């Protein structure tokens, strides 16, 4: 059974070719990197309009949120400040 907001890849009538459904199945199984590679491979060829849309949807669904980079930068800055404070205190 598909989780909320997901199309079950093996459901009858699910859109896309077998390659697109296989890529979505890899994503649903937890292999996000492999699913992204499959989607990029599909887009590199000459896919049908439906396959192109489904592959682009897969790439959007597996993209890293931009806010995550901001939090990582904030964590690195806080770590650097704390390290600097510790070095000045114990030097």
PDB file of N, CA and C in Angstrom:
ATOM      1  N   UNK A   1       0.840  -1.165   0.000  1.00  0.00           N
ATOM      2  CA  UNK A   1       0.000   0.000   0.000  1.00  0.00           C
ATOM      3  C   UNK A   1       0.892   1.236   0.000  1.00  0.00           C
ATOM      4  N   UNK A   2       0.524   2.222  -0.793  1.00  0.00           N
ATOM      5  CA  UNK A   2       1.310   3.442  -0.884  1.00  0.00           C
ATOM      6  C   UNK A   2       1.085   4.313   0.333  1.00  0.00           C
ATOM      7  N   UNK A   3       2.137   5.039   0.717  1.00  0.00           N
ATOM      8  CA  UNK A   3       2.041   5.965   1.838  1.00  0.00           C
ATOM      9  C   UNK A   3       1.317   7.215   1.363  1.00  0.00           C
ATOM     10  N   UNK A   4       0.984   8.084   2.278  1.00  0.00           N
ATOM     11  CA  UNK A   4       0.254   9.293   1.923  1.00  0.00           C
ATOM     12  C   UNK A   4       0.971  10.116   0.876  1.00  0.00           C
ATOM     13  N   UNK A   5       0.289  10.469  -0.194  1.00  0.00           N
ATOM     14  CA  UNK A   5       0.859  11.291  -1.246  1.00  0.00           C
ATOM     15  C   UNK A   5       1.694  10.542  -2.258  1.00  0.00           C
ATOM     16  N   UNK A   6       1.771   9.234  -2.161  1.00  0.00           N
ATOM     17  CA  UNK A   6       2.579   8.462  -3.101  1.00  0.00           C
ATOM     18  C   UNK A   6       1.676   7.626  -3.990  1.00  0.00           C
ATOM     19  N   UNK A   7       2.112   7.462  -5.210  1.00  0.00           N
ATOM     20  CA  UNK A   7       1.411   6.586  -6.131  1.00  0.00           C
ATOM     21  C   UNK A   7       2.052   5.216  -6.042  1.00  0.00           C
ATOM     22  N   UNK A   8       1.250   4.219  -5.883  1.00  0.00           N
ATOM     23  CA  UNK A   8       1.802   2.869  -5.811  1.00  0.00           C
ATOM     24  C   UNK A   8       2.338   2.495  -7.191  1.00  0.00           C
ATOM     25  N   UNK A   9       3.635   2.191  -7.298  1.00  0.00           N
ATOM     26  CA  UNK A   9       4.236   1.986  -8.607  1.00  0.00           C
ATOM     27  C   UNK A   9       3.696   0.787  -9.367  1.00  0.00           C
ATOM     28  N   UNK A  10       3.256  -0.241  -8.671  1.00  0.00           N
ATOM     29  CA  UNK A  10       2.798  -1.432  -9.373  1.00  0.00           C
ATOM     30  C   UNK A  10       1.284  -1.445  -9.559  1.00  0.00           C
ATOM     31  N   UNK A  11       0.626  -0.361  -9.175  1.00  0.00           N
ATOM     32  CA  UNK A  11      -0.828  -0.310  -9.297  1.00  0.00           C
ATOM     33  C   UNK A  11      -1.219  -0.287 -10.764  1.00  0.00           C
ATOM     34  N   UNK A  12      -2.276  -1.006 -11.120  1.00  0.00           N
ATOM     35  CA  UNK A  12      -2.701  -0.965 -12.510  1.00  0.00           C
ATOM     36  C   UNK A  12      -3.154   0.436 -12.871  1.00  0.00           C
ATOM     37  N   UNK A  13      -2.748   0.880 -14.019  1.00  0.00           N
ATOM     38  CA  UNK A  13      -3.138   2.200 -14.478  1.00  0.00           C
ATOM     39  C   UNK A  13      -2.243   3.308 -13.959  1.00  0.00           C
ATOM     40  N   UNK A  14      -1.164   2.980 -13.219  1.00  0.00           N
ATOM     41  CA  UNK A  14      -0.269   4.036 -12.772  1.00  0.00           C
ATOM     42  C   UNK A  14       0.470   4.572 -13.995  1.00  0.00           C
ATOM     43  N   UNK A  15       0.640   5.886 -14.057  1.00  0.00           N
ATOM     44  CA  UNK A  15       1.209   6.494 -15.263  1.00  0.00           C
ATOM     45  C   UNK A  15       2.691   6.196 -15.427  1.00  0.00           C
ATOM     46  N   UNK A  16       3.149   6.290 -16.648  1.00  0.00           N
ATOM     47  CA  UNK A  16       4.559   6.138 -16.939  1.00  0.00           C
ATOM     48  C   UNK A  16       4.922   4.759 -17.456  1.00  0.00           C
ATOM     49  N   UNK A  17       6.124   4.711 -18.000  1.00  0.00           N
ATOM     50  CA  UNK A  17       6.626   3.448 -18.535  1.00  0.00           C
ATOM     51  C   UNK A  17       7.164   2.585 -17.395  1.00  0.00           C
ATOM     52  N   UNK A  18       7.644   1.408 -17.756  1.00  0.00           N
ATOM     53  CA  UNK A  18       8.203   0.503 -16.751  1.00  0.00           C
ATOM     54  C   UNK A  18       9.424   1.114 -16.072  1.00  0.00           C
ATOM     55  N   UNK A  19      10.248   1.857 -16.820  1.00  0.00           N
ATOM     56  CA  UNK A  19      11.448   2.471 -16.246  1.00  0.00           C
ATOM     57  C   UNK A  19      11.076   3.517 -15.198  1.00  0.00           C
ATOM     58  N   UNK A  20      10.057   4.298 -15.480  1.00  0.00           N
ATOM     59  CA  UNK A  20       9.622   5.320 -14.528  1.00  0.00           C
ATOM     60  C   UNK A  20       9.034   4.670 -13.281  1.00  0.00           C
ATOM     61  N   UNK A  21       8.231   3.657 -13.479  1.00  0.00           N
ATOM     62  CA  UNK A  21       7.653   2.962 -12.322  1.00  0.00           C
ATOM     63  C   UNK A  21       8.742   2.286 -11.490  1.00  0.00           C
ATOM     64  N   UNK A  22       9.769   1.769 -12.158  1.00  0.00           N
ATOM     65  CA  UNK A  22      10.880   1.139 -11.435  1.00  0.00           C
ATOM     66  C   UNK A  22      11.648   2.186 -10.619  1.00  0.00           C
ATOM     67  N   UNK A  23      11.828   3.378 -11.184  1.00  0.00           N
ATOM     68  CA  UNK A  23      12.513   4.446 -10.455  1.00  0.00           C
ATOM     69  C   UNK A  23      11.717   4.854  -9.217  1.00  0.00           C
ATOM     70  N   UNK A  24      10.393   4.995  -9.358  1.00  0.00           N
ATOM     71  CA  UNK A  24       9.550   5.339  -8.204  1.00  0.00           C
ATOM     72  C   UNK A  24       9.566   4.202  -7.177  1.00  0.00           C
ATOM     73  N   UNK A  25       9.622   2.974  -7.636  1.00  0.00           N
ATOM     74  CA  UNK A  25       9.670   1.841  -6.708  1.00  0.00           C
ATOM     75  C   UNK A  25      10.971   1.863  -5.908  1.00  0.00           C
ATOM     76  N   UNK A  26      12.079   2.234  -6.561  1.00  0.00           N
ATOM     77  CA  UNK A  26      13.352   2.346  -5.848  1.00  0.00           C
ATOM     78  C   UNK A  26      13.279   3.435  -4.789  1.00  0.00           C
ATOM     79  N   UNK A  27      12.634   4.556  -5.123  1.00  0.00           N
ATOM     80  CA  UNK A  27      12.480   5.645  -4.156  1.00  0.00           C
ATOM     81  C   UNK A  27      11.647   5.187  -2.966  1.00  0.00           C
ATOM     82  N   UNK A  28      10.546   4.516  -3.252  1.00  0.00           N
ATOM     83  CA  UNK A  28       9.674   4.046  -2.172  1.00  0.00           C
ATOM     84  C   UNK A  28      10.347   2.979  -1.319  1.00  0.00           C
ATOM     85  N   UNK A  29      11.292   2.251  -1.893  1.00  0.00           N
ATOM     86  CA  UNK A  29      12.018   1.226  -1.149  1.00  0.00           C
ATOM     87  C   UNK A  29      13.150   1.830  -0.326  1.00  0.00           C
ATOM     88  N   UNK A  30      13.453   3.123  -0.541  1.00  0.00           N
ATOM     89  CA  UNK A  30      14.474   3.795   0.251  1.00  0.00           C
ATOM     90  C   UNK A  30      15.755   4.103  -0.495  1.00  0.00           C
ATOM     91  N   UNK A  31      15.880   3.696  -1.750  1.00  0.00           N
ATOM     92  CA  UNK A  31      17.091   3.954  -2.534  1.00  0.00           C
ATOM     93  C   UNK A  31      16.904   5.264  -3.305  1.00  0.00           C
ATOM     94  N   UNK A  32      17.051   6.382  -2.607  1.00  0.00           N
ATOM     95  CA  UNK A  32      16.802   7.687  -3.217  1.00  0.00           C
ATOM     96  C   UNK A  32      17.863   8.024  -4.257  1.00  0.00           C
ATOM     97  N   UNK A  33      19.126   7.737  -3.947  1.00  0.00           N
ATOM     98  CA  UNK A  33      20.202   8.044  -4.896  1.00  0.00           C
ATOM     99  C   UNK A  33      20.027   7.246  -6.186  1.00  0.00           C
ATOM    100  N   UNK A  34      19.688   5.978  -6.076  1.00  0.00           N
ATOM    101  CA  UNK A  34      19.457   5.157  -7.266  1.00  0.00           C
ATOM    102  C   UNK A  34      18.251   5.636  -8.057  1.00  0.00           C
ATOM    103  N   UNK A  35      17.211   6.063  -7.351  1.00  0.00           N
ATOM    104  CA  UNK A  35      16.020   6.570  -8.035  1.00  0.00           C
ATOM    105  C   UNK A  35      16.337   7.854  -8.784  1.00  0.00           C
ATOM    106  N   UNK A  36      17.146   8.713  -8.177  1.00  0.00           N
ATOM    107  CA  UNK A  36      17.533   9.960  -8.863  1.00  0.00           C
ATOM    108  C   UNK A  36      18.359   9.660 -10.123  1.00  0.00           C
ATOM    109  N   UNK A  37      19.273   8.690 -10.018  1.00  0.00           N
ATOM    110  CA  UNK A  37      20.081   8.319 -11.189  1.00  0.00           C
ATOM    111  C   UNK A  37      19.192   7.761 -12.299  1.00  0.00           C
ATOM    112  N   UNK A  38      18.220   6.938 -11.917  1.00  0.00           N
ATOM    113  CA  UNK A  38      17.292   6.396 -12.913  1.00  0.00           C
ATOM    114  C   UNK A  38      16.499   7.519 -13.586  1.00  0.00           C
ATOM    115  N   UNK A  39      16.027   8.475 -12.785  1.00  0.00           N
ATOM    116  CA  UNK A  39      15.254   9.582 -13.346  1.00  0.00           C
ATOM    117  C   UNK A  39      16.111  10.431 -14.276  1.00  0.00           C
ATOM    118  N   UNK A  40      17.357  10.679 -13.899  1.00  0.00           N
ATOM    119  CA  UNK A  40      18.253  11.448 -14.772  1.00  0.00           C
ATOM    120  C   UNK A  40      18.542  10.687 -16.063  1.00  0.00           C
ATOM    121  N   UNK A  41      18.676   9.369 -15.957  1.00  0.00           N
ATOM    122  CA  UNK A  41      18.910   8.545 -17.143  1.00  0.00           C
ATOM    123  C   UNK A  41      17.697   8.599 -18.077  1.00  0.00           C
ATOM    124  N   UNK A  42      16.500   8.586 -17.488  1.00  0.00           N
ATOM    125  CA  UNK A  42      15.278   8.663 -18.293  1.00  0.00           C
ATOM    126  C   UNK A  42      15.217  10.003 -19.004  1.00  0.00           C
ATOM    127  N   UNK A  43      15.534  11.085 -18.282  1.00  0.00           N
ATOM    128  CA  UNK A  43      15.485  12.411 -18.887  1.00  0.00           C
ATOM    129  C   UNK A  43      16.576  12.621 -19.933  1.00  0.00           C
ATOM    130  N   UNK A  44      17.694  11.907 -19.808  1.00  0.00           N
ATOM    131  CA  UNK A  44      18.776  12.040 -20.786  1.00  0.00           C
ATOM    132  C   UNK A  44      18.383  11.471 -22.145  1.00  0.00           C
ATOM    133  N   UNK A  45      17.479  10.494 -22.119  1.00  0.00           N
ATOM    134  CA  UNK A  45      16.996   9.929 -23.382  1.00  0.00           C
ATOM    135  C   UNK A  45      15.934  10.835 -23.982  1.00  0.00           C
ATOM    136  N   UNK A  46      15.103  10.279 -24.806  1.00  0.00           N
ATOM    137  CA  UNK A  46      14.003  11.056 -25.379  1.00  0.00           C
ATOM    138  C   UNK A  46      12.684  10.457 -24.862  1.00  0.00           C
ATOM    139  N   UNK A  47      12.325  10.779 -23.613  1.00  0.00           N
ATOM    140  CA  UNK A  47      11.126  10.181 -23.030  1.00  0.00           C
ATOM    141  C   UNK A  47       9.852  10.823 -23.571  1.00  0.00           C
ATOM    142  N   UNK A  48       8.760  10.118 -23.384  1.00  0.00           N
ATOM    143  CA  UNK A  48       7.473  10.697 -23.742  1.00  0.00           C
ATOM    144  C   UNK A  48       7.171  11.827 -22.762  1.00  0.00           C
ATOM    145  N   UNK A  49       6.174  12.622 -23.065  1.00  0.00           N
ATOM    146  CA  UNK A  49       5.814  13.755 -22.214  1.00  0.00           C
ATOM    147  C   UNK A  49       5.422  13.273 -20.818  1.00  0.00           C
ATOM    148  N   UNK A  50       4.678  12.185 -20.755  1.00  0.00           N
ATOM    149  CA  UNK A  50       4.239  11.638 -19.472  1.00  0.00           C
ATOM    150  C   UNK A  50       5.428  11.135 -18.653  1.00  0.00           C
ATOM    151  N   UNK A  51       6.359  10.437 -19.317  1.00  0.00           N
ATOM    152  CA  UNK A  51       7.542   9.943 -18.616  1.00  0.00           C
ATOM    153  C   UNK A  51       8.415  11.102 -18.139  1.00  0.00           C
ATOM    154  N   UNK A  52       8.526  12.149 -18.958  1.00  0.00           N
ATOM    155  CA  UNK A  52       9.311  13.323 -18.572  1.00  0.00           C
ATOM    156  C   UNK A  52       8.732  13.969 -17.315  1.00  0.00           C
ATOM    157  N   UNK A  53       7.414  14.122 -17.288  1.00  0.00           N
ATOM    158  CA  UNK A  53       6.769  14.745 -16.125  1.00  0.00           C
ATOM    159  C   UNK A  53       6.967  13.907 -14.866  1.00  0.00           C
ATOM    160  N   UNK A  54       6.812  12.590 -14.990  1.00  0.00           N
ATOM    161  CA  UNK A  54       6.971  11.712 -13.834  1.00  0.00           C
ATOM    162  C   UNK A  54       8.426  11.695 -13.346  1.00  0.00           C
ATOM    163  N   UNK A  55       9.395  11.727 -14.258  1.00  0.00           N
ATOM    164  CA  UNK A  55      10.806  11.747 -13.868  1.00  0.00           C
ATOM    165  C   UNK A  55      11.155  13.076 -13.192  1.00  0.00           C
ATOM    166  N   UNK A  56      10.627  14.182 -13.718  1.00  0.00           N
ATOM    167  CA  UNK A  56      10.868  15.478 -13.088  1.00  0.00           C
ATOM    168  C   UNK A  56      10.210  15.544 -11.717  1.00  0.00           C
ATOM    169  N   UNK A  57       9.028  14.948 -11.574  1.00  0.00           N
ATOM    170  CA  UNK A  57       8.375  14.876 -10.265  1.00  0.00           C
ATOM    171  C   UNK A  57       9.225  14.094  -9.278  1.00  0.00           C
ATOM    172  N   UNK A  58       9.822  13.023  -9.749  1.00  0.00           N
ATOM    173  CA  UNK A  58      10.689  12.210  -8.888  1.00  0.00           C
ATOM    174  C   UNK A  58      11.910  12.999  -8.439  1.00  0.00           C
ATOM    175  N   UNK A  59      12.508  13.760  -9.354  1.00  0.00           N
ATOM    176  CA  UNK A  59      13.669  14.568  -8.985  1.00  0.00           C
ATOM    177  C   UNK A  59      13.287  15.648  -7.978  1.00  0.00           C
ATOM    178  N   UNK A  60      12.116  16.271  -8.170  1.00  0.00           N
ATOM    179  CA  UNK A  60      11.659  17.280  -7.209  1.00  0.00           C
ATOM    180  C   UNK A  60      11.364  16.659  -5.851  1.00  0.00           C
ATOM    181  N   UNK A  61      10.792  15.472  -5.843  1.00  0.00           N
ATOM    182  CA  UNK A  61      10.420  14.820  -4.590  1.00  0.00           C
ATOM    183  C   UNK A  61      11.635  14.362  -3.792  1.00  0.00           C
ATOM    184  N   UNK A  62      12.757  14.151  -4.455  1.00  0.00           N
ATOM    185  CA  UNK A  62      13.940  13.646  -3.768  1.00  0.00           C
ATOM    186  C   UNK A  62      15.029  14.700  -3.606  1.00  0.00           C
ATOM    187  N   UNK A  63      14.727  15.948  -3.934  1.00  0.00           N
ATOM    188  CA  UNK A  63      15.716  17.019  -3.796  1.00  0.00           C
ATOM    189  C   UNK A  63      15.916  17.362  -2.318  1.00  0.00           C
ATOM    190  N   UNK A  64      17.127  17.775  -1.977  1.00  0.00           N
ATOM    191  CA  UNK A  64      17.432  18.185  -0.612  1.00  0.00           C
ATOM    192  C   UNK A  64      16.816  19.563  -0.366  1.00  0.00           C
ATOM    193  N   UNK A  65      16.057  19.725   0.704  1.00  0.00           N
ATOM    194  CA  UNK A  65      15.467  21.040   1.000  1.00  0.00           C
ATOM    195  C   UNK A  65      16.550  22.094   1.237  1.00  0.00           C
ATOM    196  N   UNK A  66      16.348  23.282   0.723  1.00  0.00           N
ATOM    197  CA  UNK A  66      17.345  24.352   0.858  1.00  0.00           C
ATOM    198  C   UNK A  66      17.536  24.763   2.320  1.00  0.00           C
ATOM    199  N   UNK A  67      16.496  24.681   3.115  1.00  0.00           N
ATOM    200  CA  UNK A  67      16.608  25.065   4.519  1.00  0.00           C
ATOM    201  C   UNK A  67      17.626  24.195   5.250  1.00  0.00           C
ATOM    202  N   UNK A  68      17.806  22.978   4.808  1.00  0.00           N
ATOM    203  CA  UNK A  68      18.761  22.083   5.445  1.00  0.00           C
ATOM    204  C   UNK A  68      20.181  22.631   5.346  1.00  0.00           C
ATOM    205  N   UNK A  69      20.520  23.247   4.215  1.00  0.00           N
ATOM    206  CA  UNK A  69      21.841  23.838   4.064  1.00  0.00           C
ATOM    207  C   UNK A  69      22.030  25.005   5.033  1.00  0.00           C
ATOM    208  N   UNK A  70      20.978  25.778   5.259  1.00  0.00           N
ATOM    209  CA  UNK A  70      21.045  26.885   6.211  1.00  0.00           C
ATOM    210  C   UNK A  70      21.299  26.389   7.624  1.00  0.00           C
ATOM    211  N   UNK A  71      20.600  25.325   8.024  1.00  0.00           N
ATOM    212  CA  UNK A  71      20.808  24.764   9.353  1.00  0.00           C
ATOM    213  C   UNK A  71      22.219  24.192   9.498  1.00  0.00           C
ATOM    214  N   UNK A  72      22.719  23.568   8.460  1.00  0.00           N
ATOM    215  CA  UNK A  72      24.080  23.033   8.508  1.00  0.00           C
ATOM    216  C   UNK A  72      25.100  24.164   8.649  1.00  0.00           C
ATOM    217  N   UNK A  73      24.896  25.256   7.931  1.00  0.00           N
ATOM    218  CA  UNK A  73      25.790  26.404   8.035  1.00  0.00           C
ATOM    219  C   UNK A  73      25.713  27.013   9.430  1.00  0.00           C
ATOM    220  N   UNK A  74      24.519  27.141   9.966  1.00  0.00           N
ATOM    221  CA  UNK A  74      24.349  27.679  11.315  1.00  0.00           C
ATOM    222  C   UNK A  74      25.062  26.789  12.339  1.00  0.00           C
ATOM    223  N   UNK A  75      24.939  25.488  12.205  1.00  0.00           N
ATOM    224  CA  UNK A  75      25.630  24.567  13.104  1.00  0.00           C
ATOM    225  C   UNK A  75      27.133  24.705  13.006  1.00  0.00           C
ATOM    226  N   UNK A  76      27.650  24.867  11.801  1.00  0.00           N
ATOM    227  CA  UNK A  76      29.098  25.017  11.617  1.00  0.00           C
ATOM    228  C   UNK A  76      29.598  26.318  12.245  1.00  0.00           C
ATOM    229  N   UNK A  77      28.823  27.389  12.106  1.00  0.00           N
ATOM    230  CA  UNK A  77      29.204  28.669  12.699  1.00  0.00           C
ATOM    231  C   UNK A  77      29.204  28.567  14.222  1.00  0.00           C
ATOM    232  N   UNK A  78      28.166  27.962  14.797  1.00  0.00           N
ATOM    233  CA  UNK A  78      28.101  27.805  16.251  1.00  0.00           C
ATOM    234  C   UNK A  78      29.267  26.959  16.745  1.00  0.00           C
ATOM    235  N   UNK A  79      29.582  25.885  16.043  1.00  0.00           N
ATOM    236  CA  UNK A  79      30.712  25.040  16.423  1.00  0.00           C
ATOM    237  C   UNK A  79      32.018  25.828  16.368  1.00  0.00           C
ATOM    238  N   UNK A  80      32.213  26.632  15.338  1.00  0.00           N
ATOM    239  CA  UNK A  80      33.437  27.430  15.216  1.00  0.00           C
ATOM    240  C   UNK A  80      33.538  28.458  16.341  1.00  0.00           C
ATOM    241  N   UNK A  81      32.421  29.083  16.691  1.00  0.00           N
ATOM    242  CA  UNK A  81      32.428  30.064  17.780  1.00  0.00           C
ATOM    243  C   UNK A  81      32.773  29.377  19.107  1.00  0.00           C
ATOM    244  N   UNK A  82      32.146  28.243  19.362  1.00  0.00           N
ATOM    245  CA  UNK A  82      32.437  27.523  20.607  1.00  0.00           C
ATOM    246  C   UNK A  82      33.885  27.050  20.664  1.00  0.00           C
ATOM    247  N   UNK A  83      34.399  26.583  19.552  1.00  0.00           N
ATOM    248  CA  UNK A  83      35.793  26.158  19.495  1.00  0.00           C
ATOM    249  C   UNK A  83      36.718  27.344  19.732  1.00  0.00           C
ATOM    250  N   UNK A  84      36.406  28.475  19.119  1.00  0.00           N
ATOM    251  CA  UNK A  84      37.202  29.682  19.334  1.00  0.00           C
ATOM    252  C   UNK A  84      37.176  30.133  20.779  1.00  0.00           C
ATOM    253  N   UNK A  85      36.011  30.090  21.413  1.00  0.00           N
ATOM    254  CA  UNK A  85      35.911  30.460  22.822  1.00  0.00           C
ATOM    255  C   UNK A  85      36.716  29.513  23.710  1.00  0.00           C
ATOM    256  N   UNK A  86      36.636  28.219  23.409  1.00  0.00           N
ATOM    257  CA  UNK A  86      37.403  27.251  24.196  1.00  0.00           C
ATOM    258  C   UNK A  86      38.903  27.456  24.031  1.00  0.00           C
ATOM    259  N   UNK A  87      39.343  27.743  22.826  1.00  0.00           N
ATOM    260  CA  UNK A  87      40.773  27.962  22.592  1.00  0.00           C
ATOM    261  C   UNK A  87      41.274  29.212  23.284  1.00  0.00           C
ATOM    262  N   UNK A  88      40.480  30.277  23.281  1.00  0.00           N
ATOM    263  CA  UNK A  88      40.913  31.506  23.951  1.00  0.00           C
ATOM    264  C   UNK A  88      40.857  31.340  25.463  1.00  0.00           C
ATOM    265  N   UNK A  89      39.973  30.552  25.984  1.00  0.00           N
ATOM    266  CA  UNK A  89      39.842  30.367  27.434  1.00  0.00           C
ATOM    267  C   UNK A  89      40.978  29.506  27.984  1.00  0.00           C
ATOM    268  N   UNK A  90      41.371  28.479  27.268  1.00  0.00           N
ATOM    269  CA  UNK A  90      42.359  27.535  27.774  1.00  0.00           C
ATOM    270  C   UNK A  90      43.739  27.702  27.143  1.00  0.00           C
ATOM    271  N   UNK A  91      43.989  28.794  26.472  1.00  0.00           N
ATOM    272  CA  UNK A  91      45.307  29.028  25.875  1.00  0.00           C
ATOM    273  C   UNK A  91      46.220  29.760  26.824  1.00  0.00           C
TER     274      UNK A  91
END
